[in-house]
Amino acid sequence: MDTESYEEKIMHELKIWQLKMTKKPSLTNRLAKGLQHKVNDIIPDKVHDLITATIKNMVKAVLFGSEYISKYPDHGLSLEESEKLVLEKANFYKKVAATSGAGTGAGGLLLGLADFPILLGLKIKFLFDVAVLYGFDVTEFRERLYILYLFELAFSSQEKRSQVYSFILNWDMKNEQLPTELEAFDWRSFQQEYRDYIDLVKMLQLMPGIGAVVGAYANYQLMDKLAETAMNGYRLRLL
């Protein structure tokens, strides 16, 4: 397949994805959000506090930990070559995430809770790898912020997703609006959206008997969602 026809193919995929990012919340989305609020009310505050602190501290540590920078970008790859490698990475991370979900889901409450930081680390590391494969330098603060916004885009409600998408759509024009320090990022919104997105299914992972199956399936699907978001997020900038 030549470069032009490949780019035509992924442009078509990109346009379909963009429509998904901009559509209004459906009745199902709104009902799910309402259900999530009810579930949140049932969960003890101590559990909420633990999850919130874990999300914030883990994301910050991983996002700005030098050990997560695997290598400098290879600018010699074509877009098709880059995406072939990205898909290979995605398949690897989905399998690792599923294995983690199955193992922790079968281990009861404590191991089930342990899956939160494990999965967070896998997701951020995957985004680092994807950025490098697309030719972006993740040693730059700005590129790490882009990773953070891609993460938020993947795991937010439809209403919030539209806002984040609008922001990254004009990424190169948003320089003056970008936080210059990590603490300036809207962590409260980031945490709540992520928690609301995964809480229900991850709480099912803690249930005896079905935890392993739910954990494996949920982690695989969450990583798959992130892969789709990451690929199209970088296509926006390259095309």
C-alpha atoms as a PDB file:
ATOM      1  CA  MET A   1       0.000   0.000   0.000  1.00  0.00           C
ATOM      2  CA  ASP A   2       1.501   3.363  -0.970  1.00  0.00           C
ATOM      3  CA  THR A   3       1.729   6.322   1.384  1.00  0.00           C
ATOM      4  CA  GLU A   4      -1.056   8.306  -0.269  1.00  0.00           C
ATOM      5  CA  SER A   5      -3.628   5.511  -0.150  1.00  0.00           C
ATOM      6  CA  TYR A   6      -2.698   4.712   3.438  1.00  0.00           C
ATOM      7  CA  GLU A   7      -3.184   8.338   4.444  1.00  0.00           C
ATOM      8  CA  GLU A   8      -6.555   8.389   2.694  1.00  0.00           C
ATOM      9  CA  LYS A   9      -7.583   5.319   4.678  1.00  0.00           C
ATOM     10  CA  ILE A  10      -6.624   6.767   8.036  1.00  0.00           C
ATOM     11  CA  MET A  11      -8.128  10.160   7.185  1.00  0.00           C
ATOM     12  CA  HIS A  12     -11.436   8.342   6.809  1.00  0.00           C
ATOM     13  CA  GLU A  13     -10.919   6.657  10.200  1.00  0.00           C
ATOM     14  CA  LEU A  14      -9.950   9.993  11.731  1.00  0.00           C
ATOM     15  CA  LYS A  15     -13.112  11.709  10.503  1.00  0.00           C
ATOM     16  CA  ILE A  16     -15.300   8.955  11.982  1.00  0.00           C
ATOM     17  CA  TRP A  17     -13.469   9.291  15.304  1.00  0.00           C
ATOM     18  CA  GLN A  18     -13.861  13.072  15.252  1.00  0.00           C
ATOM     19  CA  LEU A  19     -17.619  12.699  14.878  1.00  0.00           C
ATOM     20  CA  LYS A  20     -17.638  10.453  17.959  1.00  0.00           C
ATOM     21  CA  MET A  21     -15.709  13.085  19.920  1.00  0.00           C
ATOM     22  CA  THR A  22     -18.124  15.889  19.088  1.00  0.00           C
ATOM     23  CA  LYS A  23     -21.508  14.203  19.386  1.00  0.00           C
ATOM     24  CA  LYS A  24     -23.830  15.296  22.176  1.00  0.00           C
ATOM     25  CA  PRO A  25     -24.371  13.068  25.231  1.00  0.00           C
ATOM     26  CA  SER A  26     -27.069  10.487  24.534  1.00  0.00           C
ATOM     27  CA  LEU A  27     -29.866   9.521  26.911  1.00  0.00           C
ATOM     28  CA  THR A  28     -27.859   6.415  27.775  1.00  0.00           C
ATOM     29  CA  ASN A  29     -24.815   8.544  28.595  1.00  0.00           C
ATOM     30  CA  ARG A  30     -26.879  10.764  30.866  1.00  0.00           C
ATOM     31  CA  LEU A  31     -28.506   7.781  32.617  1.00  0.00           C
ATOM     32  CA  ALA A  32     -25.107   6.146  33.104  1.00  0.00           C
ATOM     33  CA  LYS A  33     -23.764   9.355  34.599  1.00  0.00           C
ATOM     34  CA  GLY A  34     -26.710   9.492  36.993  1.00  0.00           C
ATOM     35  CA  LEU A  35     -26.132   5.871  37.986  1.00  0.00           C
ATOM     36  CA  GLN A  36     -22.481   6.647  38.581  1.00  0.00           C
ATOM     37  CA  HIS A  37     -23.399   9.430  40.992  1.00  0.00           C
ATOM     38  CA  LYS A  38     -25.590   6.983  42.941  1.00  0.00           C
ATOM     39  CA  VAL A  39     -22.775   4.436  43.073  1.00  0.00           C
ATOM     40  CA  ASN A  40     -20.375   7.133  44.280  1.00  0.00           C
ATOM     41  CA  ASP A  41     -22.763   7.987  47.116  1.00  0.00           C
ATOM     42  CA  ILE A  42     -22.694   4.366  48.311  1.00  0.00           C
ATOM     43  CA  ILE A  43     -18.916   3.991  48.309  1.00  0.00           C
ATOM     44  CA  PRO A  44     -17.302   5.055  51.627  1.00  0.00           C
ATOM     45  CA  ASP A  45     -15.432   8.374  51.635  1.00  0.00           C
ATOM     46  CA  LYS A  46     -12.219   6.634  52.704  1.00  0.00           C
ATOM     47  CA  VAL A  47     -12.272   4.544  49.524  1.00  0.00           C
ATOM     48  CA  HIS A  48     -12.924   7.662  47.429  1.00  0.00           C
ATOM     49  CA  ASP A  49     -10.034   9.487  49.099  1.00  0.00           C
ATOM     50  CA  LEU A  50      -7.690   6.557  48.551  1.00  0.00           C
ATOM     51  CA  ILE A  51      -8.549   6.278  44.863  1.00  0.00           C
ATOM     52  CA  THR A  52      -8.326  10.045  44.299  1.00  0.00           C
ATOM     53  CA  ALA A  53      -4.915  10.312  45.936  1.00  0.00           C
ATOM     54  CA  THR A  54      -3.678   7.268  44.038  1.00  0.00           C
ATOM     55  CA  ILE A  55      -4.775   8.660  40.690  1.00  0.00           C
ATOM     56  CA  LYS A  56      -3.250  12.094  41.206  1.00  0.00           C
ATOM     57  CA  ASN A  57       0.057  10.998  42.703  1.00  0.00           C
ATOM     58  CA  MET A  58       0.546   8.047  40.395  1.00  0.00           C
ATOM     59  CA  VAL A  59      -0.171  10.007  37.232  1.00  0.00           C
ATOM     60  CA  LYS A  60       2.142  12.831  38.301  1.00  0.00           C
ATOM     61  CA  ALA A  61       4.938  10.452  39.249  1.00  0.00           C
ATOM     62  CA  VAL A  62       4.702   8.412  36.076  1.00  0.00           C
ATOM     63  CA  LEU A  63       4.154  11.340  33.734  1.00  0.00           C
ATOM     64  CA  PHE A  64       7.258  13.117  34.948  1.00  0.00           C
ATOM     65  CA  GLY A  65       9.437  10.158  35.854  1.00  0.00           C
ATOM     66  CA  SER A  66      12.522   9.956  33.673  1.00  0.00           C
ATOM     67  CA  GLU A  67      12.461   6.161  33.763  1.00  0.00           C
ATOM     68  CA  TYR A  68       9.396   6.201  31.516  1.00  0.00           C
ATOM     69  CA  ILE A  69      11.258   7.811  28.622  1.00  0.00           C
ATOM     70  CA  SER A  70      12.186   4.735  26.602  1.00  0.00           C
ATOM     71  CA  LYS A  71      14.114   6.433  23.783  1.00  0.00           C
ATOM     72  CA  TYR A  72      14.242   9.480  21.558  1.00  0.00           C
ATOM     73  CA  PRO A  73      11.856   9.648  18.606  1.00  0.00           C
ATOM     74  CA  ASP A  74      12.735   8.035  15.287  1.00  0.00           C
ATOM     75  CA  HIS A  75      11.878  10.603  12.627  1.00  0.00           C
ATOM     76  CA  GLY A  76      12.875   8.225   9.822  1.00  0.00           C
ATOM     77  CA  LEU A  77       9.678   6.164   9.991  1.00  0.00           C
ATOM     78  CA  SER A  78       6.808   6.654   7.569  1.00  0.00           C
ATOM     79  CA  LEU A  79       3.333   7.120   9.046  1.00  0.00           C
ATOM     80  CA  GLU A  80       2.349   3.612   7.986  1.00  0.00           C
ATOM     81  CA  GLU A  81       5.473   2.127   9.578  1.00  0.00           C
ATOM     82  CA  SER A  82       4.858   4.086  12.777  1.00  0.00           C
ATOM     83  CA  GLU A  83       1.271   2.915  13.039  1.00  0.00           C
ATOM     84  CA  LYS A  84       2.216  -0.715  12.459  1.00  0.00           C
ATOM     85  CA  LEU A  85       4.543  -0.475  15.454  1.00  0.00           C
ATOM     86  CA  VAL A  86       1.887   1.370  17.490  1.00  0.00           C
ATOM     87  CA  LEU A  87      -0.611  -1.431  16.864  1.00  0.00           C
ATOM     88  CA  GLU A  88       1.964  -4.002  17.956  1.00  0.00           C
ATOM     89  CA  LYS A  89       2.552  -2.011  21.143  1.00  0.00           C
ATOM     90  CA  ALA A  90      -1.197  -1.734  21.721  1.00  0.00           C
ATOM     91  CA  ASN A  91      -1.687  -5.489  21.429  1.00  0.00           C
ATOM     92  CA  PHE A  92       1.151  -6.098  23.876  1.00  0.00           C
ATOM     93  CA  TYR A  93      -0.196  -3.634  26.449  1.00  0.00           C
ATOM     94  CA  LYS A  94      -3.765  -4.945  26.125  1.00  0.00           C
ATOM     95  CA  LYS A  95      -2.575  -8.459  26.920  1.00  0.00           C
ATOM     96  CA  VAL A  96      -0.514  -7.258  29.893  1.00  0.00           C
ATOM     97  CA  ALA A  97      -3.448  -5.184  31.198  1.00  0.00           C
ATOM     98  CA  ALA A  98      -5.841  -8.133  30.840  1.00  0.00           C
ATOM     99  CA  THR A  99      -3.444 -10.414  32.709  1.00  0.00           C
ATOM    100  CA  SER A 100      -3.123  -7.849  35.499  1.00  0.00           C
ATOM    101  CA  GLY A 101      -6.894  -7.444  35.711  1.00  0.00           C
ATOM    102  CA  ALA A 102      -7.477 -11.190  35.884  1.00  0.00           C
ATOM    103  CA  GLY A 103      -4.826 -11.724  38.538  1.00  0.00           C
ATOM    104  CA  THR A 104      -5.875  -8.874  40.792  1.00  0.00           C
ATOM    105  CA  GLY A 105      -9.582  -9.504  40.209  1.00  0.00           C
ATOM    106  CA  ALA A 106      -9.213 -13.064  41.467  1.00  0.00           C
ATOM    107  CA  GLY A 107      -7.436 -11.919  44.615  1.00  0.00           C
ATOM    108  CA  GLY A 108     -10.243 -10.103  46.397  1.00  0.00           C
ATOM    109  CA  LEU A 109     -10.524  -6.545  47.683  1.00  0.00           C
ATOM    110  CA  LEU A 110      -6.888  -5.694  48.421  1.00  0.00           C
ATOM    111  CA  LEU A 111      -5.484  -7.042  45.159  1.00  0.00           C
ATOM    112  CA  GLY A 112      -8.424  -5.544  43.293  1.00  0.00           C
ATOM    113  CA  LEU A 113      -7.555  -2.108  44.618  1.00  0.00           C
ATOM    114  CA  ALA A 114      -3.909  -2.728  43.686  1.00  0.00           C
ATOM    115  CA  ASP A 115      -4.937  -2.896  40.035  1.00  0.00           C
ATOM    116  CA  PHE A 116      -5.636   0.858  39.979  1.00  0.00           C
ATOM    117  CA  PRO A 117      -1.995   2.010  40.123  1.00  0.00           C
ATOM    118  CA  ILE A 118      -0.830  -0.921  37.976  1.00  0.00           C
ATOM    119  CA  LEU A 119      -3.252  -0.038  35.193  1.00  0.00           C
ATOM    120  CA  LEU A 120      -2.489   3.677  35.474  1.00  0.00           C
ATOM    121  CA  GLY A 121       1.204   2.993  35.026  1.00  0.00           C
ATOM    122  CA  LEU A 122       0.579   0.797  31.988  1.00  0.00           C
ATOM    123  CA  LYS A 123      -1.617   3.419  30.355  1.00  0.00           C
ATOM    124  CA  ILE A 124       0.837   6.279  30.785  1.00  0.00           C
ATOM    125  CA  LYS A 125       3.812   4.148  29.706  1.00  0.00           C
ATOM    126  CA  PHE A 126       1.861   3.116  26.603  1.00  0.00           C
ATOM    127  CA  LEU A 127       1.187   6.760  25.738  1.00  0.00           C
ATOM    128  CA  PHE A 128       4.893   7.551  26.086  1.00  0.00           C
ATOM    129  CA  ASP A 129       5.746   4.726  23.684  1.00  0.00           C
ATOM    130  CA  VAL A 130       3.105   5.854  21.184  1.00  0.00           C
ATOM    131  CA  ALA A 131       4.349   9.455  21.224  1.00  0.00           C
ATOM    132  CA  VAL A 132       7.905   8.298  20.501  1.00  0.00           C
ATOM    133  CA  LEU A 133       6.771   6.060  17.632  1.00  0.00           C
ATOM    134  CA  TYR A 134       4.944   9.007  16.052  1.00  0.00           C
ATOM    135  CA  GLY A 135       8.141  11.060  16.256  1.00  0.00           C
ATOM    136  CA  PHE A 136       7.432  13.337  19.239  1.00  0.00           C
ATOM    137  CA  ASP A 137      10.004  14.166  21.905  1.00  0.00           C
ATOM    138  CA  VAL A 138       8.533  13.210  25.290  1.00  0.00           C
ATOM    139  CA  THR A 139      11.379  14.894  27.151  1.00  0.00           C
ATOM    140  CA  GLU A 140       9.570  18.172  26.430  1.00  0.00           C
ATOM    141  CA  PHE A 141       7.093  19.362  29.087  1.00  0.00           C
ATOM    142  CA  ARG A 142       4.597  20.311  26.405  1.00  0.00           C
ATOM    143  CA  GLU A 143       4.552  16.803  24.948  1.00  0.00           C
ATOM    144  CA  ARG A 144       3.957  15.296  28.358  1.00  0.00           C
ATOM    145  CA  LEU A 145       1.026  17.622  28.834  1.00  0.00           C
ATOM    146  CA  TYR A 146      -0.350  16.398  25.512  1.00  0.00           C
ATOM    147  CA  ILE A 147      -0.138  12.850  26.868  1.00  0.00           C
ATOM    148  CA  LEU A 148      -2.107  13.990  29.910  1.00  0.00           C
ATOM    149  CA  TYR A 149      -4.828  15.519  27.734  1.00  0.00           C
ATOM    150  CA  LEU A 150      -5.016  12.375  25.579  1.00  0.00           C
ATOM    151  CA  PHE A 151      -5.490  10.339  28.742  1.00  0.00           C
ATOM    152  CA  GLU A 152      -8.276  12.680  29.831  1.00  0.00           C
ATOM    153  CA  LEU A 153      -9.861  12.525  26.390  1.00  0.00           C
ATOM    154  CA  ALA A 154     -10.008   8.729  26.506  1.00  0.00           C
ATOM    155  CA  PHE A 155     -11.550   8.456  29.962  1.00  0.00           C
ATOM    156  CA  SER A 156     -14.097  11.241  30.317  1.00  0.00           C
ATOM    157  CA  SER A 157     -17.834  11.632  29.976  1.00  0.00           C
ATOM    158  CA  GLN A 158     -19.114  12.653  26.554  1.00  0.00           C
ATOM    159  CA  GLU A 159     -19.702  16.230  27.712  1.00  0.00           C
ATOM    160  CA  LYS A 160     -16.176  16.632  29.071  1.00  0.00           C
ATOM    161  CA  ARG A 161     -14.721  14.730  26.125  1.00  0.00           C
ATOM    162  CA  SER A 162     -16.048  17.317  23.699  1.00  0.00           C
ATOM    163  CA  GLN A 163     -14.302  20.080  25.644  1.00  0.00           C
ATOM    164  CA  VAL A 164     -10.953  18.270  25.747  1.00  0.00           C
ATOM    165  CA  TYR A 165     -11.211  17.360  22.079  1.00  0.00           C
ATOM    166  CA  SER A 166     -11.807  20.994  21.160  1.00  0.00           C
ATOM    167  CA  PHE A 167      -8.668  21.909  23.072  1.00  0.00           C
ATOM    168  CA  ILE A 168      -6.336  19.380  21.447  1.00  0.00           C
ATOM    169  CA  LEU A 169      -7.845  20.017  18.011  1.00  0.00           C
ATOM    170  CA  ASN A 170      -6.137  23.417  18.104  1.00  0.00           C
ATOM    171  CA  TRP A 171      -3.123  22.272  20.094  1.00  0.00           C
ATOM    172  CA  ASP A 172      -0.486  24.242  18.198  1.00  0.00           C
ATOM    173  CA  MET A 173      -2.540  27.420  18.623  1.00  0.00           C
ATOM    174  CA  LYS A 174      -3.079  26.893  22.362  1.00  0.00           C
ATOM    175  CA  ASN A 175       0.472  27.579  23.543  1.00  0.00           C
ATOM    176  CA  GLU A 176      -0.489  30.579  25.644  1.00  0.00           C
ATOM    177  CA  GLN A 177      -3.270  28.644  27.388  1.00  0.00           C
ATOM    178  CA  LEU A 178      -1.142  25.633  28.323  1.00  0.00           C
ATOM    179  CA  PRO A 179      -0.170  25.294  31.988  1.00  0.00           C
ATOM    180  CA  THR A 180       3.465  26.175  32.600  1.00  0.00           C
ATOM    181  CA  GLU A 181       3.497  24.176  35.832  1.00  0.00           C
ATOM    182  CA  LEU A 182       1.969  20.797  36.566  1.00  0.00           C
ATOM    183  CA  GLU A 183      -0.002  22.087  39.546  1.00  0.00           C
ATOM    184  CA  ALA A 184      -1.867  24.476  37.240  1.00  0.00           C
ATOM    185  CA  PHE A 185      -3.497  21.516  35.500  1.00  0.00           C
ATOM    186  CA  ASP A 186      -7.143  20.925  36.469  1.00  0.00           C
ATOM    187  CA  TRP A 187      -6.480  17.822  38.557  1.00  0.00           C
ATOM    188  CA  ARG A 188      -9.860  17.826  40.277  1.00  0.00           C
ATOM    189  CA  SER A 189     -11.771  17.496  37.030  1.00  0.00           C
ATOM    190  CA  PHE A 190      -9.232  15.014  35.679  1.00  0.00           C
ATOM    191  CA  GLN A 191      -9.546  12.738  38.710  1.00  0.00           C
ATOM    192  CA  GLN A 192     -13.315  12.836  38.907  1.00  0.00           C
ATOM    193  CA  GLU A 193     -13.839  12.159  35.218  1.00  0.00           C
ATOM    194  CA  TYR A 194     -11.444   9.215  35.283  1.00  0.00           C
ATOM    195  CA  ARG A 195     -12.987   7.782  38.427  1.00  0.00           C
ATOM    196  CA  ASP A 196     -16.503   8.149  37.095  1.00  0.00           C
ATOM    197  CA  TYR A 197     -15.493   6.496  33.839  1.00  0.00           C
ATOM    198  CA  ILE A 198     -14.012   3.373  35.437  1.00  0.00           C
ATOM    199  CA  ASP A 199     -15.529   3.150  38.936  1.00  0.00           C
ATOM    200  CA  LEU A 200     -18.551   0.983  38.139  1.00  0.00           C
ATOM    201  CA  VAL A 201     -16.724  -1.700  36.202  1.00  0.00           C
ATOM    202  CA  LYS A 202     -13.716  -1.665  38.534  1.00  0.00           C
ATOM    203  CA  MET A 203     -15.961  -2.057  41.565  1.00  0.00           C
ATOM    204  CA  LEU A 204     -17.442  -5.162  39.903  1.00  0.00           C
ATOM    205  CA  GLN A 205     -13.879  -6.428  39.682  1.00  0.00           C
ATOM    206  CA  LEU A 206     -13.780  -6.522  43.488  1.00  0.00           C
ATOM    207  CA  MET A 207     -16.735  -8.928  43.688  1.00  0.00           C
ATOM    208  CA  PRO A 208     -15.901 -12.562  44.528  1.00  0.00           C
ATOM    209  CA  GLY A 209     -16.484 -15.083  41.764  1.00  0.00           C
ATOM    210  CA  ILE A 210     -16.595 -12.693  38.819  1.00  0.00           C
ATOM    211  CA  GLY A 211     -13.661 -10.417  39.637  1.00  0.00           C
ATOM    212  CA  ALA A 212     -11.094 -12.182  37.470  1.00  0.00           C
ATOM    213  CA  VAL A 213     -13.281 -12.277  34.359  1.00  0.00           C
ATOM    214  CA  VAL A 214     -14.468  -8.693  34.788  1.00  0.00           C
ATOM    215  CA  GLY A 215     -10.938  -7.488  35.532  1.00  0.00           C
ATOM    216  CA  ALA A 216      -9.411  -9.067  32.445  1.00  0.00           C
ATOM    217  CA  TYR A 217     -12.171  -7.867  30.116  1.00  0.00           C
ATOM    218  CA  ALA A 218     -12.349  -4.369  31.588  1.00  0.00           C
ATOM    219  CA  ASN A 219      -8.601  -3.775  31.451  1.00  0.00           C
ATOM    220  CA  TYR A 220      -8.385  -5.027  27.874  1.00  0.00           C
ATOM    221  CA  GLN A 221     -11.217  -2.748  26.763  1.00  0.00           C
ATOM    222  CA  LEU A 222      -9.848   0.279  28.637  1.00  0.00           C
ATOM    223  CA  MET A 223      -6.452  -0.148  26.991  1.00  0.00           C
ATOM    224  CA  ASP A 224      -8.111  -0.610  23.606  1.00  0.00           C
ATOM    225  CA  LYS A 225     -10.004   2.643  24.118  1.00  0.00           C
ATOM    226  CA  LEU A 226      -6.768   4.424  24.994  1.00  0.00           C
ATOM    227  CA  ALA A 227      -5.035   3.048  21.890  1.00  0.00           C
ATOM    228  CA  GLU A 228      -7.790   4.351  19.619  1.00  0.00           C
ATOM    229  CA  THR A 229      -7.662   7.761  21.272  1.00  0.00           C
ATOM    230  CA  ALA A 230      -3.868   7.990  21.147  1.00  0.00           C
ATOM    231  CA  MET A 231      -3.611   7.033  17.478  1.00  0.00           C
ATOM    232  CA  ASN A 232      -6.221   9.529  16.377  1.00  0.00           C
ATOM    233  CA  GLY A 233      -4.887  12.205  18.724  1.00  0.00           C
ATOM    234  CA  TYR A 234      -1.488  12.058  17.028  1.00  0.00           C
ATOM    235  CA  ARG A 235      -3.028  11.735  13.575  1.00  0.00           C
ATOM    236  CA  LEU A 236      -4.684  15.106  14.246  1.00  0.00           C
ATOM    237  CA  ARG A 237      -1.257  16.699  14.603  1.00  0.00           C
ATOM    238  CA  LEU A 238       0.485  14.873  11.774  1.00  0.00           C
ATOM    239  CA  LEU A 239      -2.214  15.156   9.116  1.00  0.00           C
END
